[in-house]
Amino acid sequence: MTSERHNASMEPDALRSWFDHRVGTHEFSGVALVWTAGAPAFQYAGGIAHRGHQVPITGETRFGVASVTKMVTATAALRLVDRGVLRLDRPVIEVLPAEHRTRALTPEHTLHHLLSHTSGLPNYHDDAAQTWDSFVGALDRIPGSKALRPAVVLPLFADLPAERAVGEKFEYSDANFILVGLVIEAATGKSFYEVATEEVIRPAGMADSGFEQLDQDPPRYATGYLYAADPPDTWRSNVFSLTGKGMPDGGMITTAPDLARLIDALLDGRLLPPPLLAAMMTPQTPPSADVEHYGYGLELVVENGAVTILGHGGSDPGVSTMVAHHVAAATTFVVLCNQDRGSWAATCRLTKELGLRDPRDVGQTD
């Protein structure tokens, strides 16, 4: 079916009522976007961008997007690969200066392993934890408010041993992408932020995106909030729970349309040549029967040997985000929330509304 046919079946009023109800029950605060043929097919904005001042969220609100940032970092690295500045198969230990080589790095570790989360290197927090205590506790050691460049995060995992052998298994680790950022800096002589802007953000037409210091009050930025059950139904902002500036593994500030434009720029071939785009969209992890796979900075859904959905999700304290592009329908869903819940349930609702399916949707909510 074409994307136009899906759009014709959409019931905007019913969708808006569903989102309004979720906002009223504190299950959603943010924006939702359905994007096809280079333009919005549906948009919703609801909730509060700043609870203290009661600033409402609008279509112009900008959000921190956590690990969705990895799509930008990977694209920047692959553009440098395209020009011969970096190589996917070169040992990163040959690129990084001595002060940025962690204890667990070996000559076997390449950019390929970092971008695909197959390095076996340790993370700087427990990604499987059910609370944010591990993540926030790690940042407290830096402290996080002083983390304004990737190298500041390095001490959190620099002396840790490897978790497993190189290439043995896919194991998601934010530390991999901190190292990618440092590799980019070492290879270019520029800051990661300069490279990400020059190589991806500007060419993709992402006019409302960037890496800004949180203590400089980024314009139209939605403060993130964490729900607290004790006392009941209270909220705490994430101002003490993030790095002072976004990192290569997460924290870019952007809008839903800008992320849809990023997907368009990638798939239209405006950022990467066909071989590197194909590599980015191909599972780069050991063979698995799972429906979820990982390319280079892209989460992939694979069914019957073909990629049917690509994108990335993101979670930080006070942040819940999802980008999902359905290949056959040429339709992108972007959901950005400034609270630690809401994006997955909303993405599933949008997907069903358009008559599409996501095999990851097994009835759970976030």
Protein backbone atom coordinates (compact mmCIF):
# COMPACT_ATOMS: atom_id res chain seq x y z
CA MET A 1 0.00 0.00 0.00
CA THR A 2 1.15 3.52 -0.61
CA SER A 3 1.66 6.13 2.07
CA GLU A 4 -1.23 8.15 0.57
CA ARG A 5 -3.63 5.27 1.17
CA HIS A 6 -2.52 5.03 4.78
CA ASN A 7 -3.00 8.76 5.28
CA ALA A 8 -6.50 8.63 3.82
CA SER A 9 -7.54 6.17 6.55
CA MET A 10 -6.28 8.30 9.39
CA GLU A 11 -8.84 9.78 11.78
CA PRO A 12 -7.13 12.93 13.13
CA ASP A 13 -9.90 13.87 15.56
CA ALA A 14 -9.86 10.45 17.20
CA LEU A 15 -6.06 10.55 17.40
CA ARG A 16 -6.09 13.99 19.00
CA SER A 17 -8.67 12.83 21.53
CA TRP A 18 -6.45 9.85 22.38
CA PHE A 19 -3.44 12.12 22.93
CA ASP A 20 -5.51 14.65 24.90
CA HIS A 21 -6.60 11.88 27.25
CA ARG A 22 -2.99 10.72 27.71
CA VAL A 23 -1.90 14.27 28.50
CA GLY A 24 -4.70 14.55 31.06
CA THR A 25 -3.57 11.37 32.81
CA HIS A 26 0.13 12.39 32.70
CA GLU A 27 0.97 9.52 30.35
CA PHE A 28 2.10 11.87 27.58
CA SER A 29 3.77 15.25 27.39
CA GLY A 30 5.41 16.12 24.10
CA VAL A 31 4.93 16.03 20.35
CA ALA A 32 3.94 13.37 17.84
CA LEU A 33 4.52 13.55 14.11
CA VAL A 34 3.58 11.43 11.11
CA TRP A 35 5.75 12.46 8.16
CA THR A 36 5.45 11.34 4.56
CA ALA A 37 6.48 12.74 1.16
CA GLY A 38 8.61 15.36 2.89
CA ALA A 39 5.80 16.92 4.91
CA PRO A 40 3.66 16.35 8.01
CA ALA A 41 0.58 14.16 7.61
CA PHE A 42 -0.34 14.49 11.29
CA GLN A 43 1.01 16.60 14.15
CA TYR A 44 0.15 16.78 17.82
CA ALA A 45 1.60 18.86 20.65
CA GLY A 46 0.42 18.70 24.25
CA GLY A 47 1.64 18.91 27.81
CA ILE A 48 3.92 21.29 29.66
CA ALA A 49 7.41 22.33 28.55
CA HIS A 50 8.22 23.96 31.90
CA ARG A 51 6.04 23.09 34.88
CA GLY A 52 7.27 25.92 37.08
CA HIS A 53 6.22 28.59 34.58
CA GLN A 54 3.40 26.52 33.04
CA VAL A 55 4.81 26.93 29.53
CA PRO A 56 2.81 24.76 27.11
CA ILE A 57 4.42 22.48 24.54
CA THR A 58 3.84 23.59 20.94
CA GLY A 59 4.94 22.40 17.55
CA GLU A 60 7.98 24.68 17.89
CA THR A 61 9.20 23.16 21.16
CA ARG A 62 12.67 21.59 21.13
CA PHE A 63 13.51 18.42 23.04
CA GLY A 64 16.52 16.54 24.27
CA VAL A 65 16.36 13.23 22.43
CA ALA A 66 18.77 10.96 24.31
CA SER A 67 20.11 8.09 22.17
CA VAL A 68 18.31 9.19 18.99
CA THR A 69 21.50 11.31 18.77
CA LYS A 70 23.41 8.16 17.80
CA MET A 71 21.96 8.43 14.28
CA VAL A 72 23.71 11.79 13.89
CA THR A 73 26.99 10.56 15.38
CA ALA A 74 27.08 7.47 13.14
CA THR A 75 26.24 9.50 10.03
CA ALA A 76 29.02 11.99 10.79
CA ALA A 77 31.51 9.14 11.22
CA LEU A 78 30.42 7.45 7.98
CA ARG A 79 30.75 10.71 6.04
CA LEU A 80 34.36 10.86 7.23
CA VAL A 81 34.78 7.25 6.13
CA ASP A 82 33.48 8.24 2.70
CA ARG A 83 36.22 10.86 2.38
CA GLY A 84 38.96 8.59 3.67
CA VAL A 85 39.43 10.51 6.91
CA LEU A 86 38.37 7.41 8.86
CA ARG A 87 38.16 3.71 8.05
CA LEU A 88 35.69 1.21 9.41
CA ASP A 89 38.35 -1.48 9.66
CA ARG A 90 41.22 0.54 11.13
CA PRO A 91 42.09 -0.08 14.81
CA VAL A 92 40.80 2.91 16.74
CA ILE A 93 43.80 2.65 19.03
CA GLU A 94 45.82 3.97 16.08
CA VAL A 95 43.59 7.04 15.83
CA LEU A 96 43.03 7.98 19.46
CA PRO A 97 45.71 9.87 21.38
CA ALA A 98 47.20 7.99 24.33
CA GLU A 99 45.11 9.87 26.90
CA HIS A 100 41.91 8.68 25.23
CA ARG A 101 42.79 4.99 24.96
CA THR A 102 40.88 3.01 27.55
CA ARG A 103 42.27 0.00 29.40
CA ALA A 104 40.03 -2.42 27.48
CA LEU A 105 40.89 -1.15 23.98
CA THR A 106 42.96 -3.53 21.86
CA PRO A 107 44.27 -3.44 18.27
CA GLU A 108 41.23 -5.55 17.34
CA HIS A 109 38.74 -2.78 18.10
CA THR A 110 37.66 -0.85 15.02
CA LEU A 111 35.12 1.85 14.22
CA HIS A 112 32.89 -0.94 12.92
CA HIS A 113 32.73 -2.50 16.38
CA LEU A 114 31.95 0.81 18.09
CA LEU A 115 29.21 1.83 15.66
CA SER A 116 27.53 -1.59 15.83
CA HIS A 117 27.84 -2.13 19.61
CA THR A 118 29.88 -5.29 19.10
CA SER A 119 33.06 -4.06 20.79
CA GLY A 120 32.60 -5.93 24.07
CA LEU A 121 33.76 -2.77 25.84
CA PRO A 122 32.21 -1.78 29.19
CA ASN A 123 29.51 0.84 29.55
CA TYR A 124 29.76 3.71 32.03
CA HIS A 125 26.41 2.79 33.62
CA ASP A 126 24.13 -0.22 33.92
CA ASP A 127 21.91 0.04 30.84
CA ALA A 128 19.68 -2.79 32.06
CA ALA A 129 18.86 -1.10 35.38
CA GLN A 130 15.18 -0.47 36.09
CA THR A 131 15.86 2.95 37.65
CA TRP A 132 18.09 5.89 36.76
CA ASP A 133 20.27 5.46 39.86
CA SER A 134 23.21 3.92 37.97
CA PHE A 135 23.17 6.55 35.22
CA VAL A 136 22.81 9.54 37.56
CA GLY A 137 25.28 8.05 40.03
CA ALA A 138 27.88 7.78 37.29
CA LEU A 139 27.40 11.39 36.23
CA ASP A 140 27.70 12.50 39.84
CA ARG A 141 31.30 11.28 39.76
CA ILE A 142 32.29 13.67 36.93
CA PRO A 143 30.13 15.72 37.86
CA GLY A 144 27.65 15.77 34.99
CA SER A 145 27.14 19.53 35.01
CA LYS A 146 30.82 19.94 34.03
CA ALA A 147 30.55 17.47 31.14
CA LEU A 148 30.73 19.81 28.14
CA ARG A 149 32.86 17.63 25.85
CA PRO A 150 33.13 13.86 25.31
CA ALA A 151 36.53 13.47 27.00
CA VAL A 152 35.01 14.47 30.35
CA VAL A 153 32.93 11.26 30.36
CA LEU A 154 35.95 9.04 29.61
CA PRO A 155 37.10 8.53 33.24
CA LEU A 156 33.83 6.75 34.00
CA PHE A 157 34.95 3.71 31.97
CA ALA A 158 38.61 4.29 31.07
CA ASP A 159 39.96 1.79 33.61
CA LEU A 160 37.24 -0.87 33.35
CA PRO A 161 38.02 -4.30 31.85
CA ALA A 162 36.31 -5.59 28.72
CA GLU A 163 32.93 -7.26 29.14
CA ARG A 164 33.56 -9.85 26.42
CA ALA A 165 35.63 -10.62 23.32
CA VAL A 166 35.57 -8.25 20.34
CA GLY A 167 32.75 -9.04 17.90
CA GLU A 168 31.35 -11.85 20.02
CA LYS A 169 27.95 -10.34 20.74
CA PHE A 170 25.78 -7.26 20.27
CA GLU A 171 25.70 -5.44 23.58
CA TYR A 172 24.36 -1.90 23.66
CA SER A 173 26.82 0.47 25.32
CA ASP A 174 26.74 4.26 25.37
CA ALA A 175 30.49 4.21 25.95
CA ASN A 176 30.96 2.95 22.38
CA PHE A 177 29.59 6.21 21.03
CA ILE A 178 31.57 8.37 23.47
CA LEU A 179 34.61 6.72 21.88
CA VAL A 180 33.23 7.35 18.37
CA GLY A 181 33.02 11.04 19.26
CA LEU A 182 36.63 11.01 20.45
CA VAL A 183 37.73 9.19 17.29
CA ILE A 184 36.00 11.88 15.20
CA GLU A 185 37.78 14.61 17.16
CA ALA A 186 41.16 12.92 16.83
CA ALA A 187 40.78 12.36 13.09
CA THR A 188 39.55 15.88 12.26
CA GLY A 189 41.21 18.12 14.83
CA LYS A 190 37.78 19.65 15.47
CA SER A 191 35.28 19.26 18.29
CA PHE A 192 32.66 16.58 17.90
CA TYR A 193 30.02 19.31 17.94
CA GLU A 194 31.58 21.15 15.01
CA VAL A 195 31.78 17.97 12.96
CA ALA A 196 28.23 16.86 13.75
CA THR A 197 26.93 20.27 12.72
CA GLU A 198 29.01 20.55 9.55
CA GLU A 199 28.58 16.97 8.38
CA VAL A 200 24.99 16.19 9.33
CA ILE A 201 22.85 18.87 10.93
CA ARG A 202 23.34 21.57 8.28
CA PRO A 203 23.35 19.30 5.19
CA ALA A 204 20.16 17.60 6.41
CA GLY A 205 18.40 20.96 6.84
CA MET A 206 17.95 20.49 10.60
CA ALA A 207 17.62 24.21 11.38
CA ASP A 208 16.32 23.70 14.93
CA SER A 209 18.92 21.16 16.06
CA GLY A 210 22.20 21.36 17.91
CA PHE A 211 24.26 20.63 21.00
CA GLU A 212 23.72 23.43 23.50
CA GLN A 213 24.70 23.89 27.12
CA LEU A 214 21.70 23.34 29.33
CA ASP A 215 22.73 26.13 31.70
CA GLN A 216 22.53 28.62 28.84
CA ASP A 217 18.76 28.21 28.49
CA PRO A 218 18.45 26.78 24.96
CA PRO A 219 15.55 28.54 23.21
CA ARG A 220 12.18 26.77 23.21
CA TYR A 221 13.68 23.85 25.14
CA ALA A 222 11.38 21.50 27.06
CA THR A 223 12.67 20.68 30.53
CA GLY A 224 12.53 16.95 31.23
CA TYR A 225 10.59 15.54 34.18
CA LEU A 226 10.68 12.30 36.15
CA TYR A 227 7.54 10.93 37.74
CA ALA A 228 7.69 10.26 41.47
CA ALA A 229 5.26 8.01 43.33
CA ASP A 230 6.28 9.29 46.78
CA PRO A 231 4.74 11.70 47.43
CA PRO A 232 2.14 10.54 44.89
CA ASP A 233 1.79 12.16 41.46
CA THR A 234 4.73 14.52 41.79
CA TRP A 235 7.41 15.44 39.29
CA ARG A 236 11.10 16.23 39.53
CA SER A 237 13.04 17.97 36.76
CA ASN A 238 16.10 16.34 35.20
CA VAL A 239 18.39 19.36 35.59
CA PHE A 240 20.72 17.40 37.90
CA SER A 241 20.46 14.16 35.92
CA LEU A 242 22.10 14.92 32.56
CA THR A 243 25.44 16.04 31.21
CA GLY A 244 25.79 19.80 30.87
CA LYS A 245 25.81 19.39 27.10
CA GLY A 246 24.72 16.62 24.78
CA MET A 247 27.27 13.90 24.01
CA PRO A 248 27.95 11.64 21.00
CA ASP A 249 25.86 8.94 22.69
CA GLY A 250 22.89 11.18 23.44
CA GLY A 251 21.49 14.57 24.34
CA MET A 252 21.14 16.51 21.09
CA ILE A 253 18.37 19.13 21.19
CA THR A 254 16.03 19.03 18.22
CA THR A 255 12.45 18.97 16.94
CA ALA A 256 10.27 16.24 15.46
CA PRO A 257 10.34 17.73 11.91
CA ASP A 258 14.13 17.99 12.02
CA LEU A 259 14.44 14.29 12.85
CA ALA A 260 12.07 13.44 10.00
CA ARG A 261 14.26 15.57 7.72
CA LEU A 262 17.30 13.60 8.88
CA ILE A 263 15.65 10.33 7.84
CA ASP A 264 14.69 11.87 4.49
CA ALA A 265 18.23 13.15 3.91
CA LEU A 266 19.68 9.72 4.64
CA LEU A 267 17.26 7.77 2.47
CA ASP A 268 17.43 10.30 -0.38
CA GLY A 269 21.20 9.79 -0.55
CA ARG A 270 22.02 13.38 0.38
CA LEU A 271 24.31 12.40 3.26
CA LEU A 272 25.91 9.08 2.33
CA PRO A 273 26.76 7.26 -0.89
CA PRO A 274 24.80 4.06 -1.58
CA PRO A 275 27.41 1.57 -0.25
CA LEU A 276 27.76 3.31 3.11
CA LEU A 277 24.03 3.93 3.43
CA ALA A 278 23.45 0.25 2.73
CA ALA A 279 26.00 -0.67 5.40
CA MET A 280 24.34 1.65 7.90
CA MET A 281 20.97 -0.02 7.18
CA THR A 282 22.31 -3.59 7.28
CA PRO A 283 22.50 -5.62 10.51
CA GLN A 284 26.13 -5.48 11.60
CA THR A 285 25.70 -7.78 14.56
CA PRO A 286 26.21 -11.57 14.85
CA PRO A 287 23.38 -13.63 13.28
CA SER A 288 20.24 -13.76 15.38
CA ALA A 289 16.65 -14.91 15.08
CA ASP A 290 15.50 -11.77 16.87
CA VAL A 291 13.39 -9.26 14.99
CA GLU A 292 15.50 -6.37 16.35
CA HIS A 293 18.96 -5.77 14.96
CA TYR A 294 21.49 -2.95 14.84
CA GLY A 295 23.28 -1.42 11.88
CA TYR A 296 25.60 1.55 12.26
CA GLY A 297 23.80 3.90 14.64
CA LEU A 298 20.42 2.57 13.50
CA GLU A 299 17.99 0.23 15.20
CA LEU A 300 16.56 -2.11 12.58
CA VAL A 301 13.51 -4.35 12.43
CA VAL A 302 14.15 -7.28 10.10
CA GLU A 303 11.40 -9.57 8.83
CA ASN A 304 11.90 -12.33 6.26
CA GLY A 305 15.43 -11.12 5.63
CA ALA A 306 14.43 -7.52 4.84
CA VAL A 307 14.63 -4.33 6.91
CA THR A 308 11.06 -3.13 7.40
CA ILE A 309 11.59 -0.41 10.04
CA LEU A 310 14.61 1.72 10.84
CA GLY A 311 15.28 4.50 13.31
CA HIS A 312 16.25 4.80 16.96
CA GLY A 313 14.73 5.16 20.38
CA GLY A 314 16.07 7.16 23.27
CA SER A 315 15.68 7.27 27.05
CA ASP A 316 17.28 9.57 29.59
CA PRO A 317 16.02 10.75 32.95
CA GLY A 318 13.00 12.84 31.97
CA VAL A 319 13.27 11.89 28.28
CA SER A 320 11.38 9.33 26.18
CA THR A 321 11.78 9.43 22.40
CA MET A 322 11.21 7.30 19.31
CA VAL A 323 11.94 7.61 15.59
CA ALA A 324 10.57 4.82 13.39
CA HIS A 325 10.58 4.87 9.59
CA HIS A 326 8.44 2.23 7.89
CA VAL A 327 10.24 1.46 4.67
CA ALA A 328 7.41 0.07 2.51
CA ALA A 329 4.99 2.84 3.51
CA ALA A 330 7.67 5.56 3.20
CA THR A 331 6.34 6.96 6.47
CA THR A 332 8.25 8.23 9.49
CA PHE A 333 6.87 8.45 13.03
CA VAL A 334 8.60 10.78 15.50
CA VAL A 335 7.47 10.99 19.11
CA LEU A 336 9.34 13.19 21.60
CA CYS A 337 8.39 13.37 25.28
CA ASN A 338 9.81 15.55 28.05
CA GLN A 339 9.02 12.95 30.70
CA ASP A 340 10.32 9.45 31.33
CA ARG A 341 7.36 7.72 29.65
CA GLY A 342 5.02 8.02 26.70
CA SER A 343 6.88 7.67 23.41
CA TRP A 344 6.50 3.94 22.79
CA ALA A 345 2.78 3.77 23.51
CA ALA A 346 2.21 6.78 21.26
CA THR A 347 4.32 5.30 18.47
CA CYS A 348 2.33 2.07 18.61
CA ARG A 349 -0.94 3.99 18.51
CA LEU A 350 0.15 5.99 15.45
CA THR A 351 1.37 2.83 13.73
CA LYS A 352 -1.96 1.06 14.16
CA GLU A 353 -3.91 4.15 13.13
CA LEU A 354 -2.23 4.05 9.73
CA GLY A 355 -2.85 0.35 9.29
CA LEU A 356 0.83 -0.50 9.72
CA ARG A 357 2.41 -2.96 12.13
CA ASP A 358 5.51 -3.09 14.27
CA PRO A 359 6.44 -6.60 15.42
CA ARG A 360 8.05 -5.08 18.53
CA ASP A 361 4.56 -4.06 19.73
CA VAL A 362 3.48 -6.89 21.97
CA GLY A 363 1.08 -4.84 24.05
CA GLN A 364 3.53 -3.29 26.50
CA THR A 365 3.56 0.42 27.29
CA ASP A 366 6.37 2.68 28.45
